[in-house]
Amino acid sequence: MPGKQQNGPLREKTLKFAVRIVKLQRYLVEEKREFVLSKQLLRSGTNPGAMVREAENAESTQDFIHKLGIAQKEIGETI
């Protein structure tokens, strides 16, 4: 299966991205008192890492590609 790396660069990058998103969300809530957009940012910004990890356990190549496609869409939404 194409995604069986346990600590590959994509996994590491999505983890770092999620950590930055969490810090940004905390800043928006604590400093700017912004709640609506910050909640959506948190959801869409942390989901790609989860999808990459799900892709690592994909049942087929098509499932692997599908899960990474979802991760890509979530990154786009976050941007």
PDB file of N, CA and C in Angstrom:
ATOM      1  N   MET A   1       0.851  -1.182   0.000  1.00  0.00           N
ATOM      2  CA  MET A   1       0.000   0.000   0.000  1.00  0.00           C
ATOM      3  C   MET A   1       0.891   1.238   0.000  1.00  0.00           C
ATOM      4  N   PRO A   2       0.562   2.253  -0.790  1.00  0.00           N
ATOM      5  CA  PRO A   2       1.436   3.396  -0.969  1.00  0.00           C
ATOM      6  C   PRO A   2       1.626   4.275   0.248  1.00  0.00           C
ATOM      7  N   GLY A   3       0.871   4.167   1.288  1.00  0.00           N
ATOM      8  CA  GLY A   3       0.976   5.137   2.373  1.00  0.00           C
ATOM      9  C   GLY A   3       1.414   4.580   3.705  1.00  0.00           C
ATOM     10  N   LYS A   4       2.155   3.510   3.735  1.00  0.00           N
ATOM     11  CA  LYS A   4       2.454   2.836   4.991  1.00  0.00           C
ATOM     12  C   LYS A   4       3.595   3.448   5.799  1.00  0.00           C
ATOM     13  N   GLN A   5       4.108   4.621   5.421  1.00  0.00           N
ATOM     14  CA  GLN A   5       5.146   5.283   6.201  1.00  0.00           C
ATOM     15  C   GLN A   5       4.566   5.713   7.539  1.00  0.00           C
ATOM     16  N   GLN A   6       5.294   5.463   8.588  1.00  0.00           N
ATOM     17  CA  GLN A   6       4.801   5.864   9.899  1.00  0.00           C
ATOM     18  C   GLN A   6       5.223   7.288  10.262  1.00  0.00           C
ATOM     19  N   ASN A   7       6.377   7.728   9.812  1.00  0.00           N
ATOM     20  CA  ASN A   7       6.848   9.068  10.161  1.00  0.00           C
ATOM     21  C   ASN A   7       7.383   9.775   8.927  1.00  0.00           C
ATOM     22  N   GLY A   8       6.630   9.737   7.861  1.00  0.00           N
ATOM     23  CA  GLY A   8       7.049  10.356   6.621  1.00  0.00           C
ATOM     24  C   GLY A   8       6.924  11.867   6.659  1.00  0.00           C
ATOM     25  N   PRO A   9       7.453  12.532   5.635  1.00  0.00           N
ATOM     26  CA  PRO A   9       7.426  13.996   5.607  1.00  0.00           C
ATOM     27  C   PRO A   9       6.014  14.581   5.573  1.00  0.00           C
ATOM     28  N   LEU A  10       5.080  13.924   4.911  1.00  0.00           N
ATOM     29  CA  LEU A  10       3.715  14.443   4.868  1.00  0.00           C
ATOM     30  C   LEU A  10       3.072  14.394   6.246  1.00  0.00           C
ATOM     31  N   ARG A  11       3.302  13.331   6.954  1.00  0.00           N
ATOM     32  CA  ARG A  11       2.762  13.214   8.307  1.00  0.00           C
ATOM     33  C   ARG A  11       3.355  14.294   9.216  1.00  0.00           C
ATOM     34  N   GLU A  12       4.656  14.506   9.102  1.00  0.00           N
ATOM     35  CA  GLU A  12       5.324  15.509   9.919  1.00  0.00           C
ATOM     36  C   GLU A  12       4.832  16.919   9.583  1.00  0.00           C
ATOM     37  N   LYS A  13       4.677  17.219   8.311  1.00  0.00           N
ATOM     38  CA  LYS A  13       4.226  18.548   7.898  1.00  0.00           C
ATOM     39  C   LYS A  13       2.790  18.816   8.327  1.00  0.00           C
ATOM     40  N   THR A  14       1.915  17.814   8.217  1.00  0.00           N
ATOM     41  CA  THR A  14       0.530  18.046   8.630  1.00  0.00           C
ATOM     42  C   THR A  14       0.429  18.214  10.143  1.00  0.00           C
ATOM     43  N   LEU A  15       1.290  17.547  10.884  1.00  0.00           N
ATOM     44  CA  LEU A  15       1.296  17.727  12.338  1.00  0.00           C
ATOM     45  C   LEU A  15       1.744  19.140  12.695  1.00  0.00           C
ATOM     46  N   LYS A  16       2.830  19.606  12.071  1.00  0.00           N
ATOM     47  CA  LYS A  16       3.301  20.966  12.331  1.00  0.00           C
ATOM     48  C   LYS A  16       2.256  22.000  11.921  1.00  0.00           C
ATOM     49  N   PHE A  17       1.592  21.745  10.805  1.00  0.00           N
ATOM     50  CA  PHE A  17       0.536  22.643  10.338  1.00  0.00           C
ATOM     51  C   PHE A  17      -0.593  22.708  11.361  1.00  0.00           C
ATOM     52  N   ALA A  18      -1.011  21.554  11.861  1.00  0.00           N
ATOM     53  CA  ALA A  18      -2.099  21.505  12.852  1.00  0.00           C
ATOM     54  C   ALA A  18      -1.718  22.256  14.123  1.00  0.00           C
ATOM     55  N   VAL A  19      -0.485  22.105  14.556  1.00  0.00           N
ATOM     56  CA  VAL A  19      -0.036  22.806  15.764  1.00  0.00           C
ATOM     57  C   VAL A  19      -0.094  24.320  15.544  1.00  0.00           C
ATOM     58  N   ARG A  20       0.338  24.784  14.376  1.00  0.00           N
ATOM     59  CA  ARG A  20       0.268  26.218  14.067  1.00  0.00           C
ATOM     60  C   ARG A  20      -1.181  26.702  14.022  1.00  0.00           C
ATOM     61  N   ILE A  21      -2.075  25.886  13.489  1.00  0.00           N
ATOM     62  CA  ILE A  21      -3.491  26.249  13.418  1.00  0.00           C
ATOM     63  C   ILE A  21      -4.077  26.370  14.822  1.00  0.00           C
ATOM     64  N   VAL A  22      -3.739  25.438  15.691  1.00  0.00           N
ATOM     65  CA  VAL A  22      -4.247  25.490  17.067  1.00  0.00           C
ATOM     66  C   VAL A  22      -3.762  26.759  17.755  1.00  0.00           C
ATOM     67  N   LYS A  23      -2.493  27.101  17.558  1.00  0.00           N
ATOM     68  CA  LYS A  23      -1.962  28.328  18.162  1.00  0.00           C
ATOM     69  C   LYS A  23      -2.657  29.563  17.597  1.00  0.00           C
ATOM     70  N   LEU A  24      -2.897  29.574  16.291  1.00  0.00           N
ATOM     71  CA  LEU A  24      -3.602  30.699  15.675  1.00  0.00           C
ATOM     72  C   LEU A  24      -5.027  30.805  16.207  1.00  0.00           C
ATOM     73  N   GLN A  25      -5.700  29.685  16.343  1.00  0.00           N
ATOM     74  CA  GLN A  25      -7.076  29.690  16.847  1.00  0.00           C
ATOM     75  C   GLN A  25      -7.113  30.220  18.282  1.00  0.00           C
ATOM     76  N   ARG A  26      -6.173  29.804  19.095  1.00  0.00           N
ATOM     77  CA  ARG A  26      -6.111  30.302  20.474  1.00  0.00           C
ATOM     78  C   ARG A  26      -5.893  31.814  20.493  1.00  0.00           C
ATOM     79  N   TYR A  27      -4.992  32.287  19.638  1.00  0.00           N
ATOM     80  CA  TYR A  27      -4.738  33.722  19.547  1.00  0.00           C
ATOM     81  C   TYR A  27      -6.011  34.468  19.155  1.00  0.00           C
ATOM     82  N   LEU A  28      -6.704  33.971  18.132  1.00  0.00           N
ATOM     83  CA  LEU A  28      -7.915  34.644  17.671  1.00  0.00           C
ATOM     84  C   LEU A  28      -8.977  34.710  18.768  1.00  0.00           C
ATOM     85  N   VAL A  29      -9.113  33.649  19.518  1.00  0.00           N
ATOM     86  CA  VAL A  29     -10.125  33.615  20.577  1.00  0.00           C
ATOM     87  C   VAL A  29      -9.710  34.484  21.761  1.00  0.00           C
ATOM     88  N   GLU A  30      -8.467  34.330  22.201  1.00  0.00           N
ATOM     89  CA  GLU A  30      -8.035  35.025  23.412  1.00  0.00           C
ATOM     90  C   GLU A  30      -7.769  36.515  23.180  1.00  0.00           C
ATOM     91  N   GLU A  31      -7.127  36.844  22.081  1.00  0.00           N
ATOM     92  CA  GLU A  31      -6.722  38.227  21.849  1.00  0.00           C
ATOM     93  C   GLU A  31      -7.748  39.035  21.059  1.00  0.00           C
ATOM     94  N   LYS A  32      -8.380  38.426  20.103  1.00  0.00           N
ATOM     95  CA  LYS A  32      -9.284  39.152  19.213  1.00  0.00           C
ATOM     96  C   LYS A  32     -10.758  38.888  19.508  1.00  0.00           C
ATOM     97  N   ARG A  33     -11.026  37.939  20.405  1.00  0.00           N
ATOM     98  CA  ARG A  33     -12.407  37.582  20.754  1.00  0.00           C
ATOM     99  C   ARG A  33     -13.215  37.168  19.522  1.00  0.00           C
ATOM    100  N   GLU A  34     -12.583  36.426  18.648  1.00  0.00           N
ATOM    101  CA  GLU A  34     -13.229  35.947  17.428  1.00  0.00           C
ATOM    102  C   GLU A  34     -13.541  34.474  17.626  1.00  0.00           C
ATOM    103  N   PHE A  35     -14.796  34.073  17.405  1.00  0.00           N
ATOM    104  CA  PHE A  35     -15.196  32.704  17.709  1.00  0.00           C
ATOM    105  C   PHE A  35     -15.714  31.925  16.504  1.00  0.00           C
ATOM    106  N   VAL A  36     -16.434  32.546  15.620  1.00  0.00           N
ATOM    107  CA  VAL A  36     -17.080  31.822  14.525  1.00  0.00           C
ATOM    108  C   VAL A  36     -16.048  31.305  13.525  1.00  0.00           C
ATOM    109  N   LEU A  37     -15.259  32.209  12.946  1.00  0.00           N
ATOM    110  CA  LEU A  37     -14.263  31.783  11.961  1.00  0.00           C
ATOM    111  C   LEU A  37     -13.169  30.938  12.589  1.00  0.00           C
ATOM    112  N   SER A  38     -12.811  31.233  13.823  1.00  0.00           N
ATOM    113  CA  SER A  38     -11.733  30.477  14.460  1.00  0.00           C
ATOM    114  C   SER A  38     -12.119  29.020  14.672  1.00  0.00           C
ATOM    115  N   LYS A  39     -13.399  28.751  14.927  1.00  0.00           N
ATOM    116  CA  LYS A  39     -13.849  27.355  15.079  1.00  0.00           C
ATOM    117  C   LYS A  39     -13.721  26.597  13.765  1.00  0.00           C
ATOM    118  N   GLN A  40     -14.134  27.236  12.662  1.00  0.00           N
ATOM    119  CA  GLN A  40     -14.034  26.588  11.358  1.00  0.00           C
ATOM    120  C   GLN A  40     -12.571  26.411  10.956  1.00  0.00           C
ATOM    121  N   LEU A  41     -11.749  27.405  11.249  1.00  0.00           N
ATOM    122  CA  LEU A  41     -10.317  27.300  10.975  1.00  0.00           C
ATOM    123  C   LEU A  41      -9.713  26.109  11.715  1.00  0.00           C
ATOM    124  N   LEU A  42     -10.090  25.939  12.953  1.00  0.00           N
ATOM    125  CA  LEU A  42      -9.589  24.813  13.746  1.00  0.00           C
ATOM    126  C   LEU A  42     -10.003  23.483  13.128  1.00  0.00           C
ATOM    127  N   ARG A  43     -11.258  23.381  12.700  1.00  0.00           N
ATOM    128  CA  ARG A  43     -11.730  22.122  12.104  1.00  0.00           C
ATOM    129  C   ARG A  43     -11.016  21.822  10.797  1.00  0.00           C
ATOM    130  N   SER A  44     -10.998  22.805   9.892  1.00  0.00           N
ATOM    131  CA  SER A  44     -10.418  22.545   8.571  1.00  0.00           C
ATOM    132  C   SER A  44      -8.896  22.456   8.630  1.00  0.00           C
ATOM    133  N   GLY A  45      -8.264  23.113   9.574  1.00  0.00           N
ATOM    134  CA  GLY A  45      -6.812  23.109   9.653  1.00  0.00           C
ATOM    135  C   GLY A  45      -6.215  21.904  10.343  1.00  0.00           C
ATOM    136  N   THR A  46      -7.007  21.215  11.146  1.00  0.00           N
ATOM    137  CA  THR A  46      -6.492  20.018  11.817  1.00  0.00           C
ATOM    138  C   THR A  46      -6.914  18.741  11.107  1.00  0.00           C
ATOM    139  N   ASN A  47      -7.908  18.813  10.239  1.00  0.00           N
ATOM    140  CA  ASN A  47      -8.388  17.625   9.541  1.00  0.00           C
ATOM    141  C   ASN A  47      -7.379  17.010   8.578  1.00  0.00           C
ATOM    142  N   PRO A  48      -6.555  17.776   7.860  1.00  0.00           N
ATOM    143  CA  PRO A  48      -5.624  17.137   6.918  1.00  0.00           C
ATOM    144  C   PRO A  48      -4.708  16.102   7.574  1.00  0.00           C
ATOM    145  N   GLY A  49      -4.238  16.384   8.757  1.00  0.00           N
ATOM    146  CA  GLY A  49      -3.390  15.408   9.456  1.00  0.00           C
ATOM    147  C   GLY A  49      -4.129  14.117   9.737  1.00  0.00           C
ATOM    148  N   ALA A  50      -5.389  14.242  10.142  1.00  0.00           N
ATOM    149  CA  ALA A  50      -6.195  13.047  10.396  1.00  0.00           C
ATOM    150  C   ALA A  50      -6.406  12.256   9.113  1.00  0.00           C
ATOM    151  N   MET A  51      -6.624  12.965   8.011  1.00  0.00           N
ATOM    152  CA  MET A  51      -6.853  12.276   6.741  1.00  0.00           C
ATOM    153  C   MET A  51      -5.578  11.588   6.238  1.00  0.00           C
ATOM    154  N   VAL A  52      -4.428  12.192   6.471  1.00  0.00           N
ATOM    155  CA  VAL A  52      -3.159  11.557   6.088  1.00  0.00           C
ATOM    156  C   VAL A  52      -2.979  10.269   6.884  1.00  0.00           C
ATOM    157  N   ARG A  53      -3.299  10.311   8.157  1.00  0.00           N
ATOM    158  CA  ARG A  53      -3.176   9.105   8.977  1.00  0.00           C
ATOM    159  C   ARG A  53      -4.182   8.041   8.558  1.00  0.00           C
ATOM    160  N   GLU A  54      -5.384   8.461   8.188  1.00  0.00           N
ATOM    161  CA  GLU A  54      -6.362   7.504   7.668  1.00  0.00           C
ATOM    162  C   GLU A  54      -5.884   6.905   6.356  1.00  0.00           C
ATOM    163  N   ALA A  55      -5.261   7.720   5.524  1.00  0.00           N
ATOM    164  CA  ALA A  55      -4.750   7.230   4.239  1.00  0.00           C
ATOM    165  C   ALA A  55      -3.691   6.160   4.451  1.00  0.00           C
ATOM    166  N   GLU A  56      -2.925   6.282   5.520  1.00  0.00           N
ATOM    167  CA  GLU A  56      -1.907   5.265   5.816  1.00  0.00           C
ATOM    168  C   GLU A  56      -2.530   3.895   6.038  1.00  0.00           C
ATOM    169  N   ASN A  57      -3.776   3.875   6.447  1.00  0.00           N
ATOM    170  CA  ASN A  57      -4.479   2.615   6.692  1.00  0.00           C
ATOM    171  C   ASN A  57      -5.555   2.355   5.648  1.00  0.00           C
ATOM    172  N   ALA A  58      -5.395   2.929   4.481  1.00  0.00           N
ATOM    173  CA  ALA A  58      -6.392   2.780   3.423  1.00  0.00           C
ATOM    174  C   ALA A  58      -6.558   1.316   3.025  1.00  0.00           C
ATOM    175  N   GLU A  59      -7.780   0.994   2.610  1.00  0.00           N
ATOM    176  CA  GLU A  59      -8.095  -0.372   2.210  1.00  0.00           C
ATOM    177  C   GLU A  59      -7.673  -0.681   0.781  1.00  0.00           C
ATOM    178  N   SER A  60      -7.457   0.362  -0.014  1.00  0.00           N
ATOM    179  CA  SER A  60      -7.062   0.173  -1.408  1.00  0.00           C
ATOM    180  C   SER A  60      -6.325   1.424  -1.877  1.00  0.00           C
ATOM    181  N   THR A  61      -5.749   1.337  -3.058  1.00  0.00           N
ATOM    182  CA  THR A  61      -5.083   2.500  -3.631  1.00  0.00           C
ATOM    183  C   THR A  61      -6.090   3.612  -3.880  1.00  0.00           C
ATOM    184  N   GLN A  62      -7.284   3.260  -4.354  1.00  0.00           N
ATOM    185  CA  GLN A  62      -8.324   4.272  -4.587  1.00  0.00           C
ATOM    186  C   GLN A  62      -8.718   4.959  -3.281  1.00  0.00           C
ATOM    187  N   ASP A  63      -8.851   4.190  -2.217  1.00  0.00           N
ATOM    188  CA  ASP A  63      -9.191   4.747  -0.913  1.00  0.00           C
ATOM    189  C   ASP A  63      -8.085   5.681  -0.436  1.00  0.00           C
ATOM    190  N   PHE A  64      -6.832   5.293  -0.646  1.00  0.00           N
ATOM    191  CA  PHE A  64      -5.680   6.111  -0.290  1.00  0.00           C
ATOM    192  C   PHE A  64      -5.739   7.458  -1.009  1.00  0.00           C
ATOM    193  N   ILE A  65      -5.959   7.429  -2.313  1.00  0.00           N
ATOM    194  CA  ILE A  65      -6.030   8.644  -3.118  1.00  0.00           C
ATOM    195  C   ILE A  65      -7.203   9.515  -2.671  1.00  0.00           C
ATOM    196  N   HIS A  66      -8.338   8.880  -2.399  1.00  0.00           N
ATOM    197  CA  HIS A  66      -9.525   9.608  -1.961  1.00  0.00           C
ATOM    198  C   HIS A  66      -9.266  10.365  -0.654  1.00  0.00           C
ATOM    199  N   LYS A  67      -8.652   9.700   0.307  1.00  0.00           N
ATOM    200  CA  LYS A  67      -8.396  10.324   1.604  1.00  0.00           C
ATOM    201  C   LYS A  67      -7.404  11.478   1.481  1.00  0.00           C
ATOM    202  N   LEU A  68      -6.383  11.319   0.650  1.00  0.00           N
ATOM    203  CA  LEU A  68      -5.447  12.419   0.444  1.00  0.00           C
ATOM    204  C   LEU A  68      -6.116  13.574  -0.296  1.00  0.00           C
ATOM    205  N   GLY A  69      -7.068  13.258  -1.172  1.00  0.00           N
ATOM    206  CA  GLY A  69      -7.827  14.306  -1.855  1.00  0.00           C
ATOM    207  C   GLY A  69      -8.650  15.126  -0.880  1.00  0.00           C
ATOM    208  N   ILE A  70      -9.238  14.461   0.100  1.00  0.00           N
ATOM    209  CA  ILE A  70      -9.994  15.170   1.139  1.00  0.00           C
ATOM    210  C   ILE A  70      -9.052  16.071   1.937  1.00  0.00           C
ATOM    211  N   ALA A  71      -7.885  15.561   2.271  1.00  0.00           N
ATOM    212  CA  ALA A  71      -6.902  16.370   3.003  1.00  0.00           C
ATOM    213  C   ALA A  71      -6.539  17.621   2.205  1.00  0.00           C
ATOM    214  N   GLN A  72      -6.357  17.465   0.907  1.00  0.00           N
ATOM    215  CA  GLN A  72      -6.020  18.595   0.050  1.00  0.00           C
ATOM    216  C   GLN A  72      -7.153  19.631   0.033  1.00  0.00           C
ATOM    217  N   LYS A  73      -8.392  19.173  -0.016  1.00  0.00           N
ATOM    218  CA  LYS A  73      -9.529  20.088   0.006  1.00  0.00           C
ATOM    219  C   LYS A  73      -9.595  20.853   1.324  1.00  0.00           C
ATOM    220  N   GLU A  74      -9.298  20.191   2.424  1.00  0.00           N
ATOM    221  CA  GLU A  74      -9.325  20.847   3.729  1.00  0.00           C
ATOM    222  C   GLU A  74      -8.237  21.911   3.817  1.00  0.00           C
ATOM    223  N   ILE A  75      -7.079  21.638   3.244  1.00  0.00           N
ATOM    224  CA  ILE A  75      -6.008  22.636   3.215  1.00  0.00           C
ATOM    225  C   ILE A  75      -6.483  23.851   2.426  1.00  0.00           C
ATOM    226  N   GLY A  76      -7.123  23.599   1.291  1.00  0.00           N
ATOM    227  CA  GLY A  76      -7.659  24.695   0.482  1.00  0.00           C
ATOM    228  C   GLY A  76      -8.678  25.516   1.240  1.00  0.00           C
ATOM    229  N   GLU A  77      -9.541  24.847   1.980  1.00  0.00           N
ATOM    230  CA  GLU A  77     -10.543  25.563   2.783  1.00  0.00           C
ATOM    231  C   GLU A  77      -9.868  26.405   3.862  1.00  0.00           C
ATOM    232  N   THR A  78      -8.831  25.877   4.446  1.00  0.00           N
ATOM    233  CA  THR A  78      -8.113  26.601   5.501  1.00  0.00           C
ATOM    234  C   THR A  78      -7.473  27.864   4.944  1.00  0.00           C
ATOM    235  N   ILE A  79      -6.894  27.732   3.758  1.00  0.00           N
ATOM    236  CA  ILE A  79      -6.263  28.897   3.128  1.00  0.00           C
ATOM    237  C   ILE A  79      -7.315  29.944   2.829  1.00  0.00           C
TER     238      ILE A  79
END
